[in-house]
């Protein structure tokens, strides 16, 4: 049974139960109220007849009403103090004896403060009247109650029809987006990550559809990134492997004579491949949150000075000024020293590569506190190079992205350095940020880390 059918049946069942209970309660309430109302009306009529009997007796000395319409619909007998029937409109029994008045309602007929007779009125429950006498007492009530019952039945039928129509409509409204979600999920399961639900609603189903579309968009981006990653890795592997193959083939064919230069060429390309493989592995671990960290307390000053010492020779070779500014001398970080050194090395290599001869590179640390009171330390690497183009600022941390697409691997590294920096930062509970310098040429790339990290 489909979800729509189940919902329709459920809605109809609930509606039938609700309508049935309501109709039963209304019928009982109307019947009870009407019986009380009819009894009250009869009582008023009986009192009016008794009053007319008193007036008639005062005027004529008899109990025969001059206006019999006053007691129309009522059956009564008038009995004098001696027990003789002296008036009324109820049929007596065939024996000519007065009926058993035990269940009749007695109302005294008073004249000048003296009871001259008693009027006994029969009701629907009176036993001593013949059936033909009792029938008129029930007819009006029965007709009214039958009409009420018929109206309730018609209302019940109309309510059931409306409930079925509303149940079908509501079931369709609920199941339509569910069916759309199912069809979209099936398309995504088949590999079509471009599919979207297109559901525009403000309720819970709309929120679910928006989350589903966001998930689809994320899957599409991830799939595109995966394809691009494989394409980039293939491209990055092709060049060094081609160089190694051509060099080895030339040596084997005797085109090249074995020499230290040729061995150095092959070893350099092997080192590039090794670096690429290590970078891809580190990045993949960071992406899935599996980058293992062995935290220790490290002073910021120690970090920056060690990074400067490692890269001072390369900076001097390119005639670059490399200096350290200690704006957070007293700060200490709970970090994986090896990983943070790796991140700083990537930032410094990137800065050295992009800074022209005679330029300067500054490594500094800054302390700050956010609105939640969390203390942060930013490790900045600022250079005096050309900086980033506006479009590059949003992509510098993407895998294999190079601001200058014309640069070769030998000139530009693996293209994974900044992506790895971001991964290391996130593994420590921080983030990496890039911006152009506001007070001069060049750019600054920052690794922002919590001063007291509790991340695992």
Protein backbone atom coordinates (compact mmCIF):
# COMPACT_ATOMS: atom_id res chain seq x y z
CA UNK A 1 0.00 0.00 0.00
CA UNK A 2 1.41 3.37 -1.02
CA UNK A 3 2.05 6.20 1.44
CA UNK A 4 -0.69 8.29 -0.18
CA UNK A 5 -3.25 5.49 0.26
CA UNK A 6 -2.24 4.94 3.87
CA UNK A 7 -2.50 8.63 4.68
CA UNK A 8 -5.87 8.88 2.92
CA UNK A 9 -7.25 5.90 4.86
CA UNK A 10 -5.86 7.27 8.11
CA UNK A 11 -7.35 10.73 7.55
CA UNK A 12 -10.72 9.25 6.56
CA UNK A 13 -10.75 6.93 9.59
CA UNK A 14 -9.93 9.74 12.00
CA UNK A 15 -12.56 11.98 10.38
CA UNK A 16 -15.21 9.25 10.54
CA UNK A 17 -14.54 8.59 14.20
CA UNK A 18 -14.63 12.31 15.00
CA UNK A 19 -17.80 12.93 12.98
CA UNK A 20 -19.52 9.83 14.39
CA UNK A 21 -18.76 10.79 17.98
CA UNK A 22 -19.87 14.38 17.33
CA UNK A 23 -23.12 13.21 15.69
CA UNK A 24 -23.88 10.81 18.57
CA UNK A 25 -23.26 13.47 21.20
CA UNK A 26 -25.29 16.06 19.29
CA UNK A 27 -28.18 13.62 18.82
CA UNK A 28 -28.26 12.72 22.50
CA UNK A 29 -27.94 16.33 23.56
CA UNK A 30 -30.68 17.54 21.21
CA UNK A 31 -33.00 14.68 22.19
CA UNK A 32 -32.53 15.29 25.90
CA UNK A 33 -32.89 19.04 25.55
CA UNK A 34 -36.00 18.69 23.42
CA UNK A 35 -37.65 16.29 25.86
CA UNK A 36 -37.08 18.76 28.66
CA UNK A 37 -38.37 21.59 26.52
CA UNK A 38 -41.49 19.63 25.48
CA UNK A 39 -42.20 18.67 29.09
CA UNK A 40 -41.91 22.30 30.15
CA UNK A 41 -44.28 23.38 27.37
CA UNK A 42 -46.81 20.72 28.37
CA UNK A 43 -46.61 21.82 31.97
CA UNK A 44 -47.38 25.39 30.96
CA UNK A 45 -50.28 24.18 28.82
CA UNK A 46 -51.64 22.06 31.68
CA UNK A 47 -51.53 25.02 34.06
CA UNK A 48 -53.31 27.13 31.46
CA UNK A 49 -56.08 24.47 31.10
CA UNK A 50 -56.47 24.28 34.89
CA UNK A 51 -56.85 28.06 35.02
CA UNK A 52 -59.46 27.98 32.23
CA UNK A 53 -61.36 25.25 34.06
CA UNK A 54 -61.43 27.44 37.17
CA UNK A 55 -62.75 30.42 35.20
CA UNK A 56 -65.34 28.28 33.38
CA UNK A 57 -66.61 26.78 36.64
CA UNK A 58 -66.91 30.23 38.19
CA UNK A 59 -68.93 31.42 35.23
CA UNK A 60 -71.07 28.41 34.34
CA UNK A 61 -70.78 25.99 37.22
CA UNK A 62 -69.47 23.29 34.89
CA UNK A 63 -66.10 22.03 33.75
CA UNK A 64 -66.79 22.04 30.02
CA UNK A 65 -64.41 24.52 28.42
CA UNK A 66 -65.99 27.05 26.13
CA UNK A 67 -62.74 27.23 24.22
CA UNK A 68 -61.64 23.60 23.86
CA UNK A 69 -58.62 24.67 21.83
CA UNK A 70 -56.83 25.57 25.01
CA UNK A 71 -56.36 21.89 25.82
CA UNK A 72 -55.71 20.75 22.30
CA UNK A 73 -53.16 17.97 22.28
CA UNK A 74 -53.64 17.33 26.00
CA UNK A 75 -55.61 14.45 27.53
CA UNK A 76 -57.12 15.15 30.91
CA UNK A 77 -60.04 14.38 33.16
CA UNK A 78 -61.62 16.50 35.85
CA UNK A 79 -62.54 14.74 39.12
CA UNK A 80 -64.66 16.37 41.84
CA UNK A 81 -63.89 15.95 45.56
CA UNK A 82 -66.17 12.95 45.64
CA UNK A 83 -64.11 11.10 43.02
CA UNK A 84 -66.59 11.43 40.18
CA UNK A 85 -65.37 12.40 36.71
CA UNK A 86 -67.09 15.68 35.88
CA UNK A 87 -65.19 16.79 32.79
CA UNK A 88 -62.21 16.39 30.52
CA UNK A 89 -61.46 15.08 27.06
CA UNK A 90 -59.77 11.75 27.78
CA UNK A 91 -61.62 8.53 26.91
CA UNK A 92 -62.71 6.45 29.83
CA UNK A 93 -62.31 2.74 29.94
CA UNK A 94 -65.18 0.67 28.53
CA UNK A 95 -66.36 -0.22 31.98
CA UNK A 96 -67.29 3.41 32.47
CA UNK A 97 -65.13 3.55 35.57
CA UNK A 98 -62.53 6.30 36.02
CA UNK A 99 -59.07 5.33 34.87
CA UNK A 100 -56.24 4.67 37.27
CA UNK A 101 -54.93 8.16 37.86
CA UNK A 102 -51.88 7.16 39.86
CA UNK A 103 -49.52 8.10 37.02
CA UNK A 104 -51.47 11.18 35.90
CA UNK A 105 -50.37 14.66 36.90
CA UNK A 106 -52.89 16.27 39.28
CA UNK A 107 -53.48 20.02 39.22
CA UNK A 108 -56.10 21.44 41.61
CA UNK A 109 -58.85 23.63 40.18
CA UNK A 110 -59.34 26.46 42.69
CA UNK A 111 -62.14 28.95 42.85
CA UNK A 112 -61.92 31.74 45.40
CA UNK A 113 -59.25 29.85 47.30
CA UNK A 114 -61.28 26.66 47.44
CA UNK A 115 -60.47 23.47 45.53
CA UNK A 116 -63.58 22.49 43.63
CA UNK A 117 -62.00 19.73 41.52
CA UNK A 118 -58.76 18.21 40.41
CA UNK A 119 -57.63 18.06 36.78
CA UNK A 120 -55.57 14.97 35.97
CA UNK A 121 -53.36 15.23 32.88
CA UNK A 122 -52.04 12.23 31.02
CA UNK A 123 -48.49 12.15 29.67
CA UNK A 124 -46.66 9.84 27.24
CA UNK A 125 -45.83 7.46 30.05
CA UNK A 126 -49.40 7.06 31.27
CA UNK A 127 -50.54 3.46 31.21
CA UNK A 128 -54.29 3.81 31.61
CA UNK A 129 -54.98 5.47 28.24
CA UNK A 130 -55.67 3.48 25.07
CA UNK A 131 -53.00 3.49 22.37
CA UNK A 132 -55.01 5.78 20.14
CA UNK A 133 -55.13 8.28 22.99
CA UNK A 134 -51.42 8.07 23.73
CA UNK A 135 -50.26 8.27 20.12
CA UNK A 136 -50.94 12.02 19.65
CA UNK A 137 -48.83 12.74 22.72
CA UNK A 138 -45.77 11.23 21.01
CA UNK A 139 -46.34 12.28 17.42
CA UNK A 140 -45.01 15.84 17.62
CA UNK A 141 -41.91 14.83 19.55
CA UNK A 142 -41.26 11.82 17.33
CA UNK A 143 -41.62 13.88 14.16
CA UNK A 144 -39.24 16.50 15.48
CA UNK A 145 -36.66 13.95 16.58
CA UNK A 146 -36.96 12.13 13.27
CA UNK A 147 -36.28 15.38 11.45
CA UNK A 148 -33.28 16.03 13.69
CA UNK A 149 -32.04 12.48 13.04
CA UNK A 150 -32.46 12.90 9.30
CA UNK A 151 -30.58 16.20 9.42
CA UNK A 152 -27.78 14.59 11.40
CA UNK A 153 -27.55 11.71 8.93
CA UNK A 154 -27.36 14.15 6.03
CA UNK A 155 -24.72 16.15 7.90
CA UNK A 156 -22.83 12.93 8.61
CA UNK A 157 -22.88 11.97 4.93
CA UNK A 158 -21.78 15.46 3.91
CA UNK A 159 -19.05 15.40 6.56
CA UNK A 160 -17.80 12.03 5.37
CA UNK A 161 -17.70 13.25 1.77
CA UNK A 162 -15.84 16.39 2.82
CA UNK A 163 -13.48 14.31 4.98
CA UNK A 164 -12.67 11.98 2.08
CA UNK A 165 -12.07 14.92 -0.26
CA UNK A 166 -9.90 16.69 2.32
CA UNK A 167 -8.04 13.46 3.12
CA UNK A 168 -7.24 12.90 -0.56
CA UNK A 169 -6.09 16.52 -0.91
CA UNK A 170 -3.93 16.47 2.23
CA UNK A 171 -2.43 13.09 1.36
CA UNK A 172 -1.54 14.40 -2.08
CA UNK A 173 -0.04 17.58 -0.62
CA UNK A 174 2.09 15.56 1.78
CA UNK A 175 3.15 12.79 -0.57
CA UNK A 176 3.88 14.97 -3.62
CA UNK A 177 7.08 16.48 -2.14
CA UNK A 178 7.95 13.09 -0.64
CA UNK A 179 7.66 11.54 -4.09
CA UNK A 180 9.79 14.34 -5.50
CA UNK A 181 12.41 13.70 -2.82
CA UNK A 182 12.35 9.99 -3.61
CA UNK A 183 12.75 10.58 -7.35
CA UNK A 184 15.57 13.04 -6.74
CA UNK A 185 17.34 10.66 -4.36
CA UNK A 186 17.03 7.85 -6.91
CA UNK A 187 18.58 10.11 -9.56
CA UNK A 188 21.44 10.99 -7.21
CA UNK A 189 21.90 7.30 -6.40
CA UNK A 190 22.34 6.77 -10.14
CA UNK A 191 25.09 9.41 -10.22
CA UNK A 192 23.12 12.47 -11.36
CA UNK A 193 24.30 14.94 -8.71
CA UNK A 194 22.87 17.90 -10.60
CA UNK A 195 19.27 17.00 -9.69
CA UNK A 196 17.41 19.26 -7.26
CA UNK A 197 13.97 18.90 -5.69
CA UNK A 198 12.82 22.41 -6.57
CA UNK A 199 10.43 22.35 -3.58
CA UNK A 200 9.61 25.82 -2.30
CA UNK A 201 7.79 25.48 1.02
CA UNK A 202 8.11 27.05 4.45
CA UNK A 203 7.16 24.01 6.54
CA UNK A 204 9.21 21.06 7.78
CA UNK A 205 9.04 19.35 4.39
CA UNK A 206 10.41 22.52 2.79
CA UNK A 207 13.26 22.58 5.31
CA UNK A 208 13.96 18.92 4.54
CA UNK A 209 13.95 19.68 0.80
CA UNK A 210 16.36 22.60 1.26
CA UNK A 211 18.70 20.42 3.30
CA UNK A 212 18.43 17.73 0.64
CA UNK A 213 19.26 20.23 -2.11
CA UNK A 214 22.23 21.49 -0.11
CA UNK A 215 23.40 17.91 0.29
CA UNK A 216 23.00 17.39 -3.47
CA UNK A 217 24.99 20.56 -4.17
CA UNK A 218 27.71 19.40 -1.78
CA UNK A 219 27.82 15.98 -3.44
CA UNK A 220 28.03 17.65 -6.83
CA UNK A 221 30.90 19.87 -5.69
CA UNK A 222 32.65 16.92 -4.09
CA UNK A 223 32.24 14.85 -7.23
CA UNK A 224 33.58 17.71 -9.32
CA UNK A 225 36.47 18.12 -6.88
CA UNK A 226 37.17 14.39 -7.03
CA UNK A 227 37.25 14.40 -10.81
CA UNK A 228 39.38 17.53 -10.85
CA UNK A 229 41.68 16.01 -8.24
CA UNK A 230 42.26 12.90 -10.31
CA UNK A 231 42.79 14.99 -13.42
CA UNK A 232 45.24 17.25 -11.60
CA UNK A 233 47.13 14.33 -10.08
CA UNK A 234 47.36 12.69 -13.48
CA UNK A 235 48.63 15.95 -14.96
CA UNK A 236 51.13 16.45 -12.15
CA UNK A 237 52.43 12.90 -12.48
CA UNK A 238 52.70 12.99 -16.24
CA UNK A 239 55.50 15.57 -16.50
CA UNK A 240 58.06 14.07 -14.06
CA UNK A 241 57.32 10.54 -15.26
CA UNK A 242 57.81 11.67 -18.86
CA UNK A 243 61.14 13.24 -17.94
CA UNK A 244 62.25 10.14 -16.05
CA UNK A 245 61.19 7.85 -18.89
CA UNK A 246 62.84 9.91 -21.60
CA UNK A 247 66.07 10.23 -19.61
CA UNK A 248 66.21 6.54 -18.78
CA UNK A 249 65.38 5.58 -22.38
CA UNK A 250 68.07 7.91 -23.73
CA UNK A 251 70.59 6.38 -21.35
CA UNK A 252 69.53 2.89 -22.36
CA UNK A 253 69.72 3.71 -26.09
CA UNK A 254 73.15 5.23 -25.69
CA UNK A 255 71.94 8.71 -26.67
CA UNK A 256 73.14 9.96 -23.26
CA UNK A 257 76.26 8.81 -21.57
CA UNK A 258 75.78 8.01 -17.89
CA UNK A 259 76.69 11.05 -15.85
CA UNK A 260 75.98 12.66 -12.50
CA UNK A 261 73.86 15.33 -14.22
CA UNK A 262 71.48 12.78 -15.69
CA UNK A 263 71.20 10.92 -12.40
CA UNK A 264 70.52 14.23 -10.69
CA UNK A 265 67.75 14.97 -13.21
CA UNK A 266 66.08 11.62 -12.49
CA UNK A 267 66.48 11.99 -8.72
CA UNK A 268 65.01 15.49 -8.79
CA UNK A 269 61.92 14.21 -10.60
CA UNK A 270 61.66 11.28 -8.17
CA UNK A 271 61.78 13.76 -5.27
CA UNK A 272 58.96 15.72 -6.90
CA UNK A 273 56.85 12.58 -7.18
CA UNK A 274 57.59 11.68 -3.58
CA UNK A 275 56.62 15.17 -2.42
CA UNK A 276 53.42 15.03 -4.45
CA UNK A 277 52.46 11.65 -2.99
CA UNK A 278 53.15 12.86 0.55
CA UNK A 279 51.16 16.04 -0.02
CA UNK A 280 48.17 14.14 -1.42
CA UNK A 281 48.26 11.76 1.53
CA UNK A 282 48.41 14.59 4.08
CA UNK A 283 45.60 16.44 2.34
CA UNK A 284 43.36 13.38 2.16
CA UNK A 285 43.88 12.71 5.87
CA UNK A 286 43.08 16.33 6.71
CA UNK A 287 39.93 16.26 4.58
CA UNK A 288 38.47 13.30 6.48
CA UNK A 289 39.63 14.53 9.88
CA UNK A 290 42.13 11.70 10.32
CA UNK A 291 45.28 13.81 10.49
CA UNK A 292 46.93 12.55 13.66
CA UNK A 293 48.14 15.25 16.00
CA UNK A 294 50.61 14.87 18.85
CA UNK A 295 50.15 18.03 20.84
CA UNK A 296 52.78 19.63 23.01
CA UNK A 297 53.17 23.09 24.44
CA UNK A 298 55.28 25.24 22.12
CA UNK A 299 56.22 28.90 22.52
CA UNK A 300 55.32 31.08 19.55
CA UNK A 301 58.75 32.70 19.57
CA UNK A 302 60.38 29.28 19.19
CA UNK A 303 58.14 28.40 16.25
CA UNK A 304 58.86 31.59 14.30
CA UNK A 305 62.61 31.64 14.95
CA UNK A 306 62.96 28.00 13.87
CA UNK A 307 61.00 28.68 10.67
CA UNK A 308 63.24 31.64 9.87
CA UNK A 309 66.40 29.59 10.39
CA UNK A 310 65.13 26.86 8.04
CA UNK A 311 64.40 29.26 5.19
CA UNK A 312 67.06 31.92 5.69
CA UNK A 313 69.52 30.26 3.25
CA UNK A 314 66.95 30.09 0.42
CA UNK A 315 65.83 33.66 1.08
CA UNK A 316 69.44 34.87 1.03
CA UNK A 317 70.04 32.98 -2.21
CA UNK A 318 67.20 34.95 -3.82
CA UNK A 319 68.30 38.22 -2.19
CA UNK A 320 65.19 38.44 -0.01
CA UNK A 321 64.90 39.98 3.45
CA UNK A 322 63.40 37.49 5.91
CA UNK A 323 62.62 38.82 9.36
CA UNK A 324 60.51 37.88 12.37
CA UNK A 325 58.27 40.21 14.39
CA UNK A 326 57.37 39.03 17.89
CA UNK A 327 54.07 40.68 18.73
CA UNK A 328 53.00 37.68 20.84
CA UNK A 329 56.21 36.75 22.64
CA UNK A 330 54.46 35.36 25.69
CA UNK A 331 51.96 33.19 23.79
CA UNK A 332 52.14 29.41 23.94
CA UNK A 333 50.19 26.96 21.78
CA UNK A 334 49.14 23.36 22.37
CA UNK A 335 49.93 22.04 18.89
CA UNK A 336 51.52 19.27 16.87
CA UNK A 337 54.93 20.88 16.35
CA UNK A 338 55.75 18.85 13.24
CA UNK A 339 52.49 19.75 11.48
CA UNK A 340 52.68 23.45 12.31
CA UNK A 341 56.30 23.51 11.11
CA UNK A 342 55.06 21.90 7.89
CA UNK A 343 52.39 24.58 7.51
CA UNK A 344 54.87 27.41 8.14
CA UNK A 345 57.30 25.84 5.66
CA UNK A 346 54.57 25.78 3.00
CA UNK A 347 53.70 29.41 3.66
CA UNK A 348 57.33 30.52 3.55
CA UNK A 349 58.11 28.54 0.38
CA UNK A 350 55.07 30.05 -1.26
CA UNK A 351 56.11 33.57 -0.19
CA UNK A 352 59.72 33.07 -1.35
CA UNK A 353 58.51 31.80 -4.72
CA UNK A 354 56.25 34.81 -5.34
CA UNK A 355 58.43 37.59 -3.93
CA UNK A 356 60.67 39.26 -6.51
CA UNK A 357 64.41 39.70 -5.94
CA UNK A 358 65.15 42.38 -3.40
CA UNK A 359 61.78 42.04 -1.70
CA UNK A 360 61.00 41.27 1.89
CA UNK A 361 59.14 38.60 3.83
CA UNK A 362 57.91 39.09 7.38
CA UNK A 363 56.83 36.38 9.78
CA UNK A 364 54.83 37.63 12.74
CA UNK A 365 52.45 36.47 15.45
CA UNK A 366 49.35 38.38 16.59
CA UNK A 367 47.05 37.77 19.53
CA UNK A 368 43.30 38.50 19.51
CA UNK A 369 40.07 37.61 21.31
CA UNK A 370 36.74 36.99 19.59
CA UNK A 371 33.24 37.91 20.77
CA UNK A 372 32.91 34.62 22.67
CA UNK A 373 36.06 35.34 24.66
CA UNK A 374 38.19 32.76 22.82
CA UNK A 375 41.86 33.74 22.55
CA UNK A 376 43.54 33.28 19.17
CA UNK A 377 47.06 33.50 17.82
CA UNK A 378 47.59 34.27 14.13
CA UNK A 379 50.85 33.20 12.52
CA UNK A 380 51.24 35.58 9.55
CA UNK A 381 53.58 35.32 6.59
CA UNK A 382 53.56 38.61 4.68
CA UNK A 383 55.49 39.22 1.44
CA UNK A 384 56.10 42.18 -0.88
CA UNK A 385 55.17 40.33 -4.05
CA UNK A 386 52.39 41.14 -6.51
CA UNK A 387 49.63 39.92 -4.19
CA UNK A 388 46.50 38.04 -5.21
CA UNK A 389 44.01 38.94 -7.89
CA UNK A 390 40.45 39.36 -6.51
CA UNK A 391 39.36 36.05 -8.05
CA UNK A 392 42.39 34.26 -6.64
CA UNK A 393 41.61 35.18 -3.01
CA UNK A 394 38.64 32.82 -2.95
CA UNK A 395 40.58 29.95 -4.51
CA UNK A 396 44.11 30.09 -3.14
CA UNK A 397 43.42 27.20 -0.76
CA UNK A 398 41.95 24.93 -3.46
CA UNK A 399 43.86 21.81 -4.43
CA UNK A 400 46.34 22.25 -7.29
CA UNK A 401 45.34 25.87 -7.72
CA UNK A 402 48.04 28.26 -8.91
CA UNK A 403 47.47 31.97 -9.26
CA UNK A 404 49.73 31.88 -12.31
CA UNK A 405 48.47 28.94 -14.36
CA UNK A 406 51.42 29.20 -16.73
CA UNK A 407 53.93 28.19 -14.06
CA UNK A 408 55.27 24.68 -14.35
CA UNK A 409 55.63 22.19 -11.51
CA UNK A 410 59.35 22.91 -11.30
CA UNK A 411 58.57 26.58 -10.69
CA UNK A 412 55.42 26.33 -8.67
CA UNK A 413 55.57 23.24 -6.46
CA UNK A 414 52.77 20.73 -6.14
CA UNK A 415 49.91 23.20 -5.93
CA UNK A 416 48.82 21.58 -2.65
CA UNK A 417 50.81 23.65 -0.16
CA UNK A 418 48.13 26.13 0.86
CA UNK A 419 45.44 23.44 0.82
CA UNK A 420 47.54 21.47 3.29
CA UNK A 421 47.99 24.59 5.43
CA UNK A 422 44.23 24.97 5.65
CA UNK A 423 43.81 21.29 6.50
CA UNK A 424 46.40 21.50 9.29
CA UNK A 425 44.76 24.65 10.65
CA UNK A 426 41.31 23.04 10.75
CA UNK A 427 42.71 19.92 12.39
CA UNK A 428 43.93 22.21 15.21
CA UNK A 429 40.54 23.94 15.46
CA UNK A 430 41.71 26.97 13.50
CA UNK A 431 41.61 28.30 9.97
CA UNK A 432 43.81 29.71 7.21
CA UNK A 433 43.09 33.12 5.68
CA UNK A 434 44.63 35.01 2.74
CA UNK A 435 44.43 38.73 2.05
CA UNK A 436 46.26 41.43 0.17
CA UNK A 437 48.27 43.92 2.21
CA UNK A 438 46.40 47.15 2.80
CA UNK A 439 49.53 49.25 3.51
CA UNK A 440 51.63 48.22 0.53
CA UNK A 441 52.26 45.61 -2.16
CA UNK A 442 52.14 41.91 -1.50
CA UNK A 443 49.88 39.56 0.38
CA UNK A 444 49.57 38.00 3.84
CA UNK A 445 48.58 34.41 4.51
CA UNK A 446 47.64 33.69 8.13
CA UNK A 447 47.33 30.47 10.08
CA UNK A 448 44.87 31.27 12.88
CA UNK A 449 45.05 28.93 15.88
CA UNK A 450 43.24 28.86 19.23
CA UNK A 451 45.53 29.85 22.08
CA UNK A 452 44.17 26.96 24.17
CA UNK A 453 42.95 24.28 21.79
CA UNK A 454 40.80 21.47 23.12
CA UNK A 455 40.23 19.79 19.78
CA UNK A 456 41.38 16.21 19.44
